[in-house]
Full PDB file with SEQRES, HELIX, SHEET, SSBOND, CRYST1, ORIGX, SCALE, CONECT and MASTER records, all heavy atoms in Angstrom:
SEQRES   1 A   39  ARG ARG VAL VAL SER LEU VAL PRO SER LEU THR GLU ALA          
SEQRES   2 A   39  LEU ALA VAL THR VAL PRO ASP ARG LEU VAL GLY ALA THR          
SEQRES   3 A   39  ASP TRP CYS THR HIS PRO ALA ASP LEU ASP VAL PRO ARG          
HELIX    1 AA1 PRO A    8  THR A   17  1                                  10    
SHEET    1 AA1 2 VAL A   3  SER A   5  0                                        
SHEET    2 AA1 2 LEU A  22  ALA A  25  1                                        
CRYST1    1.000    1.000    1.000  90.00  90.00  90.00 P 1           1          
ORIGX1      1.000000  0.000000  0.000000        0.00000                         
ORIGX2      0.000000  1.000000  0.000000        0.00000                         
ORIGX3      0.000000  0.000000  1.000000        0.00000                         
SCALE1      1.000000  0.000000  0.000000        0.00000                         
SCALE2      0.000000  1.000000  0.000000        0.00000                         
SCALE3      0.000000  0.000000  1.000000        0.00000                         
ATOM      1  N   ARG A   1      51.387 104.521 132.726  1.00  0.00           N  
ATOM      2  CA  ARG A   1      52.760 104.517 133.245  1.00  0.00           C  
ATOM      3  C   ARG A   1      53.626 103.453 132.595  1.00  0.00           C  
ATOM      4  O   ARG A   1      54.850 103.550 132.601  1.00  0.00           O  
ATOM      5  CB  ARG A   1      52.737 104.291 134.764  1.00  0.00           C  
ATOM      6  CG  ARG A   1      51.993 105.370 135.542  1.00  0.00           C  
ATOM      7  CD  ARG A   1      52.704 106.691 135.486  1.00  0.00           C  
ATOM      8  NE  ARG A   1      51.981 107.731 136.218  1.00  0.00           N  
ATOM      9  CZ  ARG A   1      52.361 109.008 136.242  1.00  0.00           C  
ATOM     10  NH1 ARG A   1      53.452 109.379 135.592  1.00  0.00           N  
ATOM     11  NH2 ARG A   1      51.659 109.903 136.914  1.00  0.00           N  
ATOM     12  N   ARG A   2      52.988 102.409 132.060  1.00  0.00           N  
ATOM     13  CA  ARG A   2      53.725 101.339 131.399  1.00  0.00           C  
ATOM     14  C   ARG A   2      53.091 101.158 130.008  1.00  0.00           C  
ATOM     15  O   ARG A   2      51.964 100.680 129.895  1.00  0.00           O  
ATOM     16  CB  ARG A   2      53.665 100.026 132.189  1.00  0.00           C  
ATOM     17  CG  ARG A   2      54.356 100.100 133.541  1.00  0.00           C  
ATOM     18  CD  ARG A   2      54.310  98.746 134.257  1.00  0.00           C  
ATOM     19  NE  ARG A   2      54.931  97.671 133.490  1.00  0.00           N  
ATOM     20  CZ  ARG A   2      56.242  97.452 133.421  1.00  0.00           C  
ATOM     21  NH1 ARG A   2      57.085  98.247 134.086  1.00  0.00           N  
ATOM     22  NH2 ARG A   2      56.726  96.455 132.714  1.00  0.00           N  
ATOM     23  N   VAL A   3      53.845 101.581 128.985  1.00  0.00           N  
ATOM     24  CA  VAL A   3      53.297 101.631 127.633  1.00  0.00           C  
ATOM     25  C   VAL A   3      54.128 100.760 126.697  1.00  0.00           C  
ATOM     26  O   VAL A   3      55.361 100.834 126.693  1.00  0.00           O  
ATOM     27  CB  VAL A   3      53.267 103.071 127.097  1.00  0.00           C  
ATOM     28  CG1 VAL A   3      52.566 103.121 125.734  1.00  0.00           C  
ATOM     29  CG2 VAL A   3      52.578 104.009 128.082  1.00  0.00           C  
ATOM     30  N   VAL A   4      53.427  99.947 125.916  1.00  0.00           N  
ATOM     31  CA  VAL A   4      54.055  99.184 124.828  1.00  0.00           C  
ATOM     32  C   VAL A   4      53.597  99.826 123.525  1.00  0.00           C  
ATOM     33  O   VAL A   4      52.405 100.063 123.322  1.00  0.00           O  
ATOM     34  CB  VAL A   4      53.653  97.698 124.861  1.00  0.00           C  
ATOM     35  CG1 VAL A   4      54.138  96.977 123.596  1.00  0.00           C  
ATOM     36  CG2 VAL A   4      54.225  97.023 126.102  1.00  0.00           C  
ATOM     37  N   SER A   5      54.542 100.097 122.633  1.00  0.00           N  
ATOM     38  CA  SER A   5      54.220 100.717 121.349  1.00  0.00           C  
ATOM     39  C   SER A   5      54.433  99.729 120.221  1.00  0.00           C  
ATOM     40  O   SER A   5      55.495  99.100 120.112  1.00  0.00           O  
ATOM     41  CB  SER A   5      55.085 101.958 121.115  1.00  0.00           C  
ATOM     42  OG  SER A   5      54.897 102.432 119.793  1.00  0.00           O  
ATOM     43  N   LEU A   6      53.426  99.626 119.360  1.00  0.00           N  
ATOM     44  CA  LEU A   6      53.513  98.755 118.186  1.00  0.00           C  
ATOM     45  C   LEU A   6      53.660  99.564 116.904  1.00  0.00           C  
ATOM     46  O   LEU A   6      53.398  99.060 115.818  1.00  0.00           O  
ATOM     47  CB  LEU A   6      52.270  97.862 118.105  1.00  0.00           C  
ATOM     48  CG  LEU A   6      52.011  96.963 119.319  1.00  0.00           C  
ATOM     49  CD1 LEU A   6      50.813  96.051 119.060  1.00  0.00           C  
ATOM     50  CD2 LEU A   6      53.245  96.137 119.674  1.00  0.00           C  
ATOM     51  N   VAL A   7      54.093 100.813 117.029  1.00  0.00           N  
ATOM     52  CA  VAL A   7      54.248 101.711 115.879  1.00  0.00           C  
ATOM     53  C   VAL A   7      55.564 102.474 116.016  1.00  0.00           C  
ATOM     54  O   VAL A   7      55.769 103.177 117.009  1.00  0.00           O  
ATOM     55  CB  VAL A   7      53.079 102.724 115.809  1.00  0.00           C  
ATOM     56  CG1 VAL A   7      53.172 103.559 114.535  1.00  0.00           C  
ATOM     57  CG2 VAL A   7      51.740 102.011 115.881  1.00  0.00           C  
ATOM     58  N   PRO A   8      56.470 102.375 115.044  1.00  0.00           N  
ATOM     59  CA  PRO A   8      57.754 103.074 115.158  1.00  0.00           C  
ATOM     60  C   PRO A   8      57.639 104.566 115.441  1.00  0.00           C  
ATOM     61  O   PRO A   8      58.375 105.102 116.273  1.00  0.00           O  
ATOM     62  CB  PRO A   8      58.417 102.798 113.802  1.00  0.00           C  
ATOM     63  CG  PRO A   8      57.871 101.456 113.407  1.00  0.00           C  
ATOM     64  CD  PRO A   8      56.434 101.477 113.874  1.00  0.00           C  
ATOM     65  N   SER A   9      56.731 105.266 114.760  1.00  0.00           N  
ATOM     66  CA  SER A   9      56.580 106.709 114.997  1.00  0.00           C  
ATOM     67  C   SER A   9      56.184 106.986 116.441  1.00  0.00           C  
ATOM     68  O   SER A   9      56.716 107.909 117.084  1.00  0.00           O  
ATOM     69  CB  SER A   9      55.511 107.289 114.066  1.00  0.00           C  
ATOM     70  OG  SER A   9      55.916 107.249 112.725  1.00  0.00           O  
ATOM     71  N   LEU A  10      55.244 106.213 116.961  1.00  0.00           N  
ATOM     72  CA  LEU A  10      54.780 106.419 118.331  1.00  0.00           C  
ATOM     73  C   LEU A  10      55.859 106.025 119.332  1.00  0.00           C  
ATOM     74  O   LEU A  10      56.008 106.660 120.380  1.00  0.00           O  
ATOM     75  CB  LEU A  10      53.505 105.622 118.582  1.00  0.00           C  
ATOM     76  CG  LEU A  10      52.304 105.986 117.705  1.00  0.00           C  
ATOM     77  CD1 LEU A  10      51.113 105.092 118.031  1.00  0.00           C  
ATOM     78  CD2 LEU A  10      51.928 107.447 117.886  1.00  0.00           C  
ATOM     79  N   THR A  11      56.613 104.996 119.001  1.00  0.00           N  
ATOM     80  CA  THR A  11      57.712 104.586 119.872  1.00  0.00           C  
ATOM     81  C   THR A  11      58.706 105.723 120.049  1.00  0.00           C  
ATOM     82  O   THR A  11      59.117 106.056 121.170  1.00  0.00           O  
ATOM     83  CB  THR A  11      58.430 103.359 119.290  1.00  0.00           C  
ATOM     84  OG1 THR A  11      57.516 102.259 119.243  1.00  0.00           O  
ATOM     85  CG2 THR A  11      59.643 102.985 120.122  1.00  0.00           C  
ATOM     86  N   GLU A  12      59.094 106.344 118.940  1.00  0.00           N  
ATOM     87  CA  GLU A  12      60.051 107.449 119.027  1.00  0.00           C  
ATOM     88  C   GLU A  12      59.467 108.605 119.836  1.00  0.00           C  
ATOM     89  O   GLU A  12      60.149 109.202 120.670  1.00  0.00           O  
ATOM     90  CB  GLU A  12      60.450 107.927 117.638  1.00  0.00           C  
ATOM     91  CG  GLU A  12      61.494 109.027 117.692  1.00  0.00           C  
ATOM     92  CD  GLU A  12      61.912 109.537 116.325  1.00  0.00           C  
ATOM     93  OE1 GLU A  12      61.167 109.340 115.343  1.00  0.00           O  
ATOM     94  OE2 GLU A  12      62.989 110.155 116.249  1.00  0.00           O  
ATOM     95  N   ALA A  13      58.197 108.923 119.590  1.00  0.00           N  
ATOM     96  CA  ALA A  13      57.560 110.020 120.313  1.00  0.00           C  
ATOM     97  C   ALA A  13      57.557 109.759 121.817  1.00  0.00           C  
ATOM     98  O   ALA A  13      57.847 110.652 122.626  1.00  0.00           O  
ATOM     99  CB  ALA A  13      56.142 110.222 119.807  1.00  0.00           C  
ATOM    100  N   LEU A  14      57.230 108.546 122.202  1.00  0.00           N  
ATOM    101  CA  LEU A  14      57.190 108.201 123.625  1.00  0.00           C  
ATOM    102  C   LEU A  14      58.593 108.156 124.223  1.00  0.00           C  
ATOM    103  O   LEU A  14      58.817 108.617 125.347  1.00  0.00           O  
ATOM    104  CB  LEU A  14      56.494 106.852 123.811  1.00  0.00           C  
ATOM    105  CG  LEU A  14      55.006 106.821 123.438  1.00  0.00           C  
ATOM    106  CD1 LEU A  14      54.496 105.393 123.396  1.00  0.00           C  
ATOM    107  CD2 LEU A  14      54.183 107.658 124.420  1.00  0.00           C  
ATOM    108  N   ALA A  15      59.547 107.597 123.480  1.00  0.00           N  
ATOM    109  CA  ALA A  15      60.908 107.480 123.986  1.00  0.00           C  
ATOM    110  C   ALA A  15      61.541 108.846 124.216  1.00  0.00           C  
ATOM    111  O   ALA A  15      62.347 109.027 125.138  1.00  0.00           O  
ATOM    112  CB  ALA A  15      61.756 106.665 123.015  1.00  0.00           C  
ATOM    113  N   VAL A  16      61.180 109.814 123.375  1.00  0.00           N  
ATOM    114  CA  VAL A  16      61.721 111.166 123.517  1.00  0.00           C  
ATOM    115  C   VAL A  16      60.982 111.949 124.603  1.00  0.00           C  
ATOM    116  O   VAL A  16      61.587 112.733 125.333  1.00  0.00           O  
ATOM    117  CB  VAL A  16      61.633 111.907 122.166  1.00  0.00           C  
ATOM    118  CG1 VAL A  16      61.930 113.395 122.330  1.00  0.00           C  
ATOM    119  CG2 VAL A  16      62.597 111.291 121.159  1.00  0.00           C  
ATOM    120  N   THR A  17      59.682 111.712 124.731  1.00  0.00           N  
ATOM    121  CA  THR A  17      58.847 112.523 125.620  1.00  0.00           C  
ATOM    122  C   THR A  17      58.721 111.941 127.021  1.00  0.00           C  
ATOM    123  O   THR A  17      58.815 112.663 128.021  1.00  0.00           O  
ATOM    124  CB  THR A  17      57.443 112.691 125.003  1.00  0.00           C  
ATOM    125  OG1 THR A  17      57.565 113.140 123.652  1.00  0.00           O  
ATOM    126  CG2 THR A  17      56.616 113.689 125.794  1.00  0.00           C  
ATOM    127  N   VAL A  18      58.479 110.628 127.109  1.00  0.00           N  
ATOM    128  CA  VAL A  18      58.301 109.966 128.413  1.00  0.00           C  
ATOM    129  C   VAL A  18      59.099 108.660 128.423  1.00  0.00           C  
ATOM    130  O   VAL A  18      58.530 107.570 128.491  1.00  0.00           O  
ATOM    131  CB  VAL A  18      56.805 109.694 128.716  1.00  0.00           C  
ATOM    132  CG1 VAL A  18      56.086 110.967 129.113  1.00  0.00           C  
ATOM    133  CG2 VAL A  18      56.105 109.056 127.515  1.00  0.00           C  
ATOM    134  N   PRO A  19      60.419 108.741 128.354  1.00  0.00           N  
ATOM    135  CA  PRO A  19      61.236 107.529 128.228  1.00  0.00           C  
ATOM    136  C   PRO A  19      61.048 106.527 129.354  1.00  0.00           C  
ATOM    137  O   PRO A  19      61.186 105.320 129.145  1.00  0.00           O  
ATOM    138  CB  PRO A  19      62.673 108.073 128.193  1.00  0.00           C  
ATOM    139  CG  PRO A  19      62.587 109.428 128.830  1.00  0.00           C  
ATOM    140  CD  PRO A  19      61.238 109.961 128.450  1.00  0.00           C  
ATOM    141  N   ASP A  20      60.701 107.013 130.538  1.00  0.00           N  
ATOM    142  CA  ASP A  20      60.549 106.115 131.681  1.00  0.00           C  
ATOM    143  C   ASP A  20      59.279 105.282 131.608  1.00  0.00           C  
ATOM    144  O   ASP A  20      59.132 104.300 132.341  1.00  0.00           O  
ATOM    145  CB  ASP A  20      60.542 106.919 132.981  1.00  0.00           C  
ATOM    146  CG  ASP A  20      59.452 107.979 133.002  1.00  0.00           C  
ATOM    147  OD1 ASP A  20      59.282 108.673 131.977  1.00  0.00           O  
ATOM    148  OD2 ASP A  20      58.780 108.128 134.034  1.00  0.00           O  
ATOM    149  N   ARG A  21      58.360 105.654 130.706  1.00  0.00           N  
ATOM    150  CA  ARG A  21      57.090 104.928 130.628  1.00  0.00           C  
ATOM    151  C   ARG A  21      57.055 103.896 129.502  1.00  0.00           C  
ATOM    152  O   ARG A  21      56.149 103.054 129.469  1.00  0.00           O  
ATOM    153  CB  ARG A  21      55.936 105.907 130.448  1.00  0.00           C  
ATOM    154  CG  ARG A  21      55.850 106.968 131.532  1.00  0.00           C  
ATOM    155  CD  ARG A  21      54.506 107.636 131.523  1.00  0.00           C  
ATOM    156  NE  ARG A  21      54.533 108.947 132.154  1.00  0.00           N  
ATOM    157  CZ  ARG A  21      53.472 109.708 132.340  1.00  0.00           C  
ATOM    158  NH1 ARG A  21      52.280 109.290 131.931  1.00  0.00           N  
ATOM    159  NH2 ARG A  21      53.577 110.898 132.909  1.00  0.00           N  
ATOM    160  N   LEU A  22      57.984 103.952 128.567  1.00  0.00           N  
ATOM    161  CA  LEU A  22      58.002 103.016 127.449  1.00  0.00           C  
ATOM    162  C   LEU A  22      58.668 101.712 127.888  1.00  0.00           C  
ATOM    163  O   LEU A  22      59.853 101.693 128.228  1.00  0.00           O  
ATOM    164  CB  LEU A  22      58.770 103.623 126.268  1.00  0.00           C  
ATOM    165  CG  LEU A  22      58.808 102.794 124.991  1.00  0.00           C  
ATOM    166  CD1 LEU A  22      57.421 102.644 124.383  1.00  0.00           C  
ATOM    167  CD2 LEU A  22      59.766 103.424 123.976  1.00  0.00           C  
ATOM    168  N   VAL A  23      57.895 100.621 127.888  1.00  0.00           N  
ATOM    169  CA  VAL A  23      58.415  99.350 128.405  1.00  0.00           C  
ATOM    170  C   VAL A  23      58.528  98.272 127.326  1.00  0.00           C  
ATOM    171  O   VAL A  23      58.989  97.168 127.616  1.00  0.00           O  
ATOM    172  CB  VAL A  23      57.550  98.828 129.565  1.00  0.00           C  
ATOM    173  CG1 VAL A  23      57.567  99.821 130.722  1.00  0.00           C  
ATOM    174  CG2 VAL A  23      56.112  98.546 129.108  1.00  0.00           C  
ATOM    175  N   GLY A  24      58.125  98.581 126.088  1.00  0.00           N  
ATOM    176  CA  GLY A  24      58.227  97.583 125.024  1.00  0.00           C  
ATOM    177  C   GLY A  24      57.952  98.214 123.674  1.00  0.00           C  
ATOM    178  O   GLY A  24      57.230  99.212 123.569  1.00  0.00           O  
ATOM    179  N   ALA A  25      58.554  97.621 122.620  1.00  0.00           N  
ATOM    180  CA  ALA A  25      58.402  98.147 121.269  1.00  0.00           C  
ATOM    181  C   ALA A  25      58.634  97.028 120.274  1.00  0.00           C  
ATOM    182  O   ALA A  25      59.105  95.938 120.630  1.00  0.00           O  
ATOM    183  CB  ALA A  25      59.385  99.298 121.025  1.00  0.00           C  
ATOM    184  N   THR A  26      58.332  97.290 118.992  1.00  0.00           N  
ATOM    185  CA  THR A  26      58.515  96.268 117.970  1.00  0.00           C  
ATOM    186  C   THR A  26      59.964  96.208 117.492  1.00  0.00           C  
ATOM    187  O   THR A  26      60.770  97.105 117.769  1.00  0.00           O  
ATOM    188  CB  THR A  26      57.624  96.540 116.740  1.00  0.00           C  
ATOM    189  OG1 THR A  26      58.182  97.624 115.973  1.00  0.00           O  
ATOM    190  CG2 THR A  26      56.198  96.858 117.145  1.00  0.00           C  
ATOM    191  N   ASP A  27      60.263  95.174 116.743  1.00  0.00           N  
ATOM    192  CA  ASP A  27      61.598  95.036 116.158  1.00  0.00           C  
ATOM    193  C   ASP A  27      61.876  96.141 115.144  1.00  0.00           C  
ATOM    194  O   ASP A  27      63.035  96.402 114.806  1.00  0.00           O  
ATOM    195  CB  ASP A  27      61.738  93.682 115.466  1.00  0.00           C  
ATOM    196  CG  ASP A  27      61.617  92.517 116.422  1.00  0.00           C  
ATOM    197  OD1 ASP A  27      61.718  92.742 117.650  1.00  0.00           O  
ATOM    198  OD2 ASP A  27      61.412  91.379 115.955  1.00  0.00           O  
ATOM    199  N   TRP A  28      60.825  96.750 114.610  1.00  0.00           N  
ATOM    200  CA  TRP A  28      60.972  97.791 113.583  1.00  0.00           C  
ATOM    201  C   TRP A  28      61.133  99.176 114.191  1.00  0.00           C  
ATOM    202  O   TRP A  28      61.308 100.160 113.453  1.00  0.00           O  
ATOM    203  CB  TRP A  28      59.753  97.781 112.654  1.00  0.00           C  
ATOM    204  CG  TRP A  28      59.599  96.497 111.912  1.00  0.00           C  
ATOM    205  CD1 TRP A  28      58.742  95.471 112.196  1.00  0.00           C  
ATOM    206  CD2 TRP A  28      60.344  96.074 110.758  1.00  0.00           C  
ATOM    207  NE1 TRP A  28      58.892  94.443 111.299  1.00  0.00           N  
ATOM    208  CE2 TRP A  28      59.876  94.790 110.403  1.00  0.00           C  
ATOM    209  CE3 TRP A  28      61.351  96.663 109.996  1.00  0.00           C  
ATOM    210  CZ2 TRP A  28      60.380  94.076 109.329  1.00  0.00           C  
ATOM    211  CZ3 TRP A  28      61.859  95.958 108.916  1.00  0.00           C  
ATOM    212  CH2 TRP A  28      61.377  94.684 108.595  1.00  0.00           C  
ATOM    213  N   CYS A  29      61.089  99.291 115.484  1.00  0.00           N  
ATOM    214  CA  CYS A  29      61.219 100.592 116.145  1.00  0.00           C  
ATOM    215  C   CYS A  29      62.711 100.925 116.277  1.00  0.00           C  
ATOM    216  O   CYS A  29      63.375 100.470 117.212  1.00  0.00           O  
ATOM    217  CB  CYS A  29      60.527 100.553 117.501  1.00  0.00           C  
ATOM    218  SG  CYS A  29      58.723 100.331 117.373  1.00  0.00           S  
ATOM    219  N   THR A  30      63.217 101.715 115.352  1.00  0.00           N  
ATOM    220  CA  THR A  30      64.656 101.953 115.229  1.00  0.00           C  
ATOM    221  C   THR A  30      65.108 103.296 115.793  1.00  0.00           C  
ATOM    222  O   THR A  30      66.305 103.590 115.782  1.00  0.00           O  
ATOM    223  CB  THR A  30      65.074 101.884 113.759  1.00  0.00           C  
ATOM    224  OG1 THR A  30      64.298 102.829 113.000  1.00  0.00           O  
ATOM    225  CG2 THR A  30      64.839 100.481 113.202  1.00  0.00           C  
ATOM    226  N   HIS A  31      64.169 104.128 116.244  1.00  0.00           N  
ATOM    227  CA  HIS A  31      64.531 105.436 116.779  1.00  0.00           C  
ATOM    228  C   HIS A  31      63.867 105.642 118.131  1.00  0.00           C  
ATOM    229  O   HIS A  31      62.727 105.212 118.311  1.00  0.00           O  
ATOM    230  CB  HIS A  31      64.105 106.554 115.810  1.00  0.00           C  
ATOM    231  CG  HIS A  31      64.970 106.624 114.592  1.00  0.00           C  
ATOM    232  ND1 HIS A  31      64.851 105.743 113.545  1.00  0.00           N  
ATOM    233  CD2 HIS A  31      65.972 107.492 114.244  1.00  0.00           C  
ATOM    234  CE1 HIS A  31      65.736 106.051 112.603  1.00  0.00           C  
ATOM    235  NE2 HIS A  31      66.412 107.101 113.014  1.00  0.00           N  
ATOM    236  N   PRO A  32      64.580 106.297 119.042  1.00  0.00           N  
ATOM    237  CA  PRO A  32      65.958 106.774 118.974  1.00  0.00           C  
ATOM    238  C   PRO A  32      66.945 105.623 118.772  1.00  0.00           C  
ATOM    239  O   PRO A  32      66.636 104.461 119.084  1.00  0.00           O  
ATOM    240  CB  PRO A  32      66.179 107.440 120.333  1.00  0.00           C  
ATOM    241  CG  PRO A  32      64.814 107.682 120.872  1.00  0.00           C  
ATOM    242  CD  PRO A  32      63.949 106.592 120.341  1.00  0.00           C  
ATOM    243  N   ALA A  33      68.119 105.960 118.270  1.00  0.00           N  
ATOM    244  CA  ALA A  33      69.099 104.927 117.932  1.00  0.00           C  
ATOM    245  C   ALA A  33      69.533 104.117 119.142  1.00  0.00           C  
ATOM    246  O   ALA A  33      69.909 102.943 119.008  1.00  0.00           O  
ATOM    247  CB  ALA A  33      70.318 105.580 117.271  1.00  0.00           C  
ATOM    248  N   ASP A  34      69.479 104.717 120.317  1.00  0.00           N  
ATOM    249  CA  ASP A  34      69.920 104.025 121.534  1.00  0.00           C  
ATOM    250  C   ASP A  34      68.756 103.405 122.310  1.00  0.00           C  
ATOM    251  O   ASP A  34      68.900 103.058 123.485  1.00  0.00           O  
ATOM    252  CB  ASP A  34      70.686 104.984 122.442  1.00  0.00           C  
ATOM    253  CG  ASP A  34      69.848 106.187 122.894  1.00  0.00           C  
ATOM    254  OD1 ASP A  34      68.720 106.357 122.379  1.00  0.00           O  
ATOM    255  OD2 ASP A  34      70.321 106.957 123.756  1.00  0.00           O  
ATOM    256  N   LEU A  35      67.625 103.228 121.652  1.00  0.00           N  
ATOM    257  CA  LEU A  35      66.454 102.669 122.330  1.00  0.00           C  
ATOM    258  C   LEU A  35      66.769 101.278 122.894  1.00  0.00           C  
ATOM    259  O   LEU A  35      67.203 100.391 122.165  1.00  0.00           O  
ATOM    260  CB  LEU A  35      65.285 102.580 121.343  1.00  0.00           C  
ATOM    261  CG  LEU A  35      63.962 102.055 121.903  1.00  0.00           C  
ATOM    262  CD1 LEU A  35      63.409 103.016 122.946  1.00  0.00           C  
ATOM    263  CD2 LEU A  35      62.961 101.851 120.770  1.00  0.00           C  
ATOM    264  N   ASP A  36      66.525 101.113 124.168  1.00  0.00           N  
ATOM    265  CA  ASP A  36      66.835  99.848 124.840  1.00  0.00           C  
ATOM    266  C   ASP A  36      65.635  99.411 125.665  1.00  0.00           C  
ATOM    267  O   ASP A  36      65.545  99.678 126.865  1.00  0.00           O  
ATOM    268  CB  ASP A  36      68.078 100.024 125.724  1.00  0.00           C  
ATOM    269  CG  ASP A  36      68.498  98.724 126.406  1.00  0.00           C  
ATOM    270  OD1 ASP A  36      68.071  97.647 125.930  1.00  0.00           O  
ATOM    271  OD2 ASP A  36      69.233  98.785 127.412  1.00  0.00           O  
ATOM    272  N   VAL A  37      64.691  98.759 124.984  1.00  0.00           N  
ATOM    273  CA  VAL A  37      63.505  98.220 125.647  1.00  0.00           C  
ATOM    274  C   VAL A  37      63.254  96.819 125.097  1.00  0.00           C  
ATOM    275  O   VAL A  37      63.725  96.475 124.006  1.00  0.00           O  
ATOM    276  CB  VAL A  37      62.257  99.105 125.412  1.00  0.00           C  
ATOM    277  CG1 VAL A  37      62.435 100.477 126.040  1.00  0.00           C  
ATOM    278  CG2 VAL A  37      61.935  99.219 123.925  1.00  0.00           C  
ATOM    279  N   PRO A  38      62.509  95.984 125.819  1.00  0.00           N  
ATOM    280  CA  PRO A  38      62.166  94.663 125.296  1.00  0.00           C  
ATOM    281  C   PRO A  38      61.411  94.768 123.972  1.00  0.00           C  
ATOM    282  O   PRO A  38      60.603  95.677 123.771  1.00  0.00           O  
ATOM    283  CB  PRO A  38      61.284  94.063 126.393  1.00  0.00           C  
ATOM    284  CG  PRO A  38      61.682  94.784 127.634  1.00  0.00           C  
ATOM    285  CD  PRO A  38      62.008  96.175 127.204  1.00  0.00           C  
ATOM    286  N   ARG A  39      61.682  93.826 123.073  1.00  0.00           N  
ATOM    287  CA  ARG A  39      61.041  93.813 121.761  1.00  0.00           C  
ATOM    288  C   ARG A  39      59.935  92.762 121.724  1.00  0.00           C  
ATOM    289  O   ARG A  39      60.057  91.682 122.311  1.00  0.00           O  
ATOM    290  CB  ARG A  39      62.074  93.535 120.669  1.00  0.00           C  
ATOM    291  CG  ARG A  39      63.239  94.549 120.666  1.00  0.00           C  
ATOM    292  CD  ARG A  39      62.772  95.961 120.372  1.00  0.00           C  
ATOM    293  NE  ARG A  39      63.843  96.943 120.484  1.00  0.00           N  
ATOM    294  CZ  ARG A  39      63.956  98.022 119.709  1.00  0.00           C  
ATOM    295  NH1 ARG A  39      63.044  98.254 118.771  1.00  0.00           N  
ATOM    296  NH2 ARG A  39      64.946  98.862 119.891  1.00  0.00           N  
TER     297      ARG A  39                                                      
MASTER        0    0    0    1    2    0    0    6  296    1    0    3          
END                                                                             
């Protein structure tokens, strides 16, 4: 339910598929363009 992604591709996949579960990502995670999670 609470997922941190350290891979840009996986970050985008999670943000598009289960946006409510993505709670953190790397500075290099640039997609979706409006991604707003802690880095």
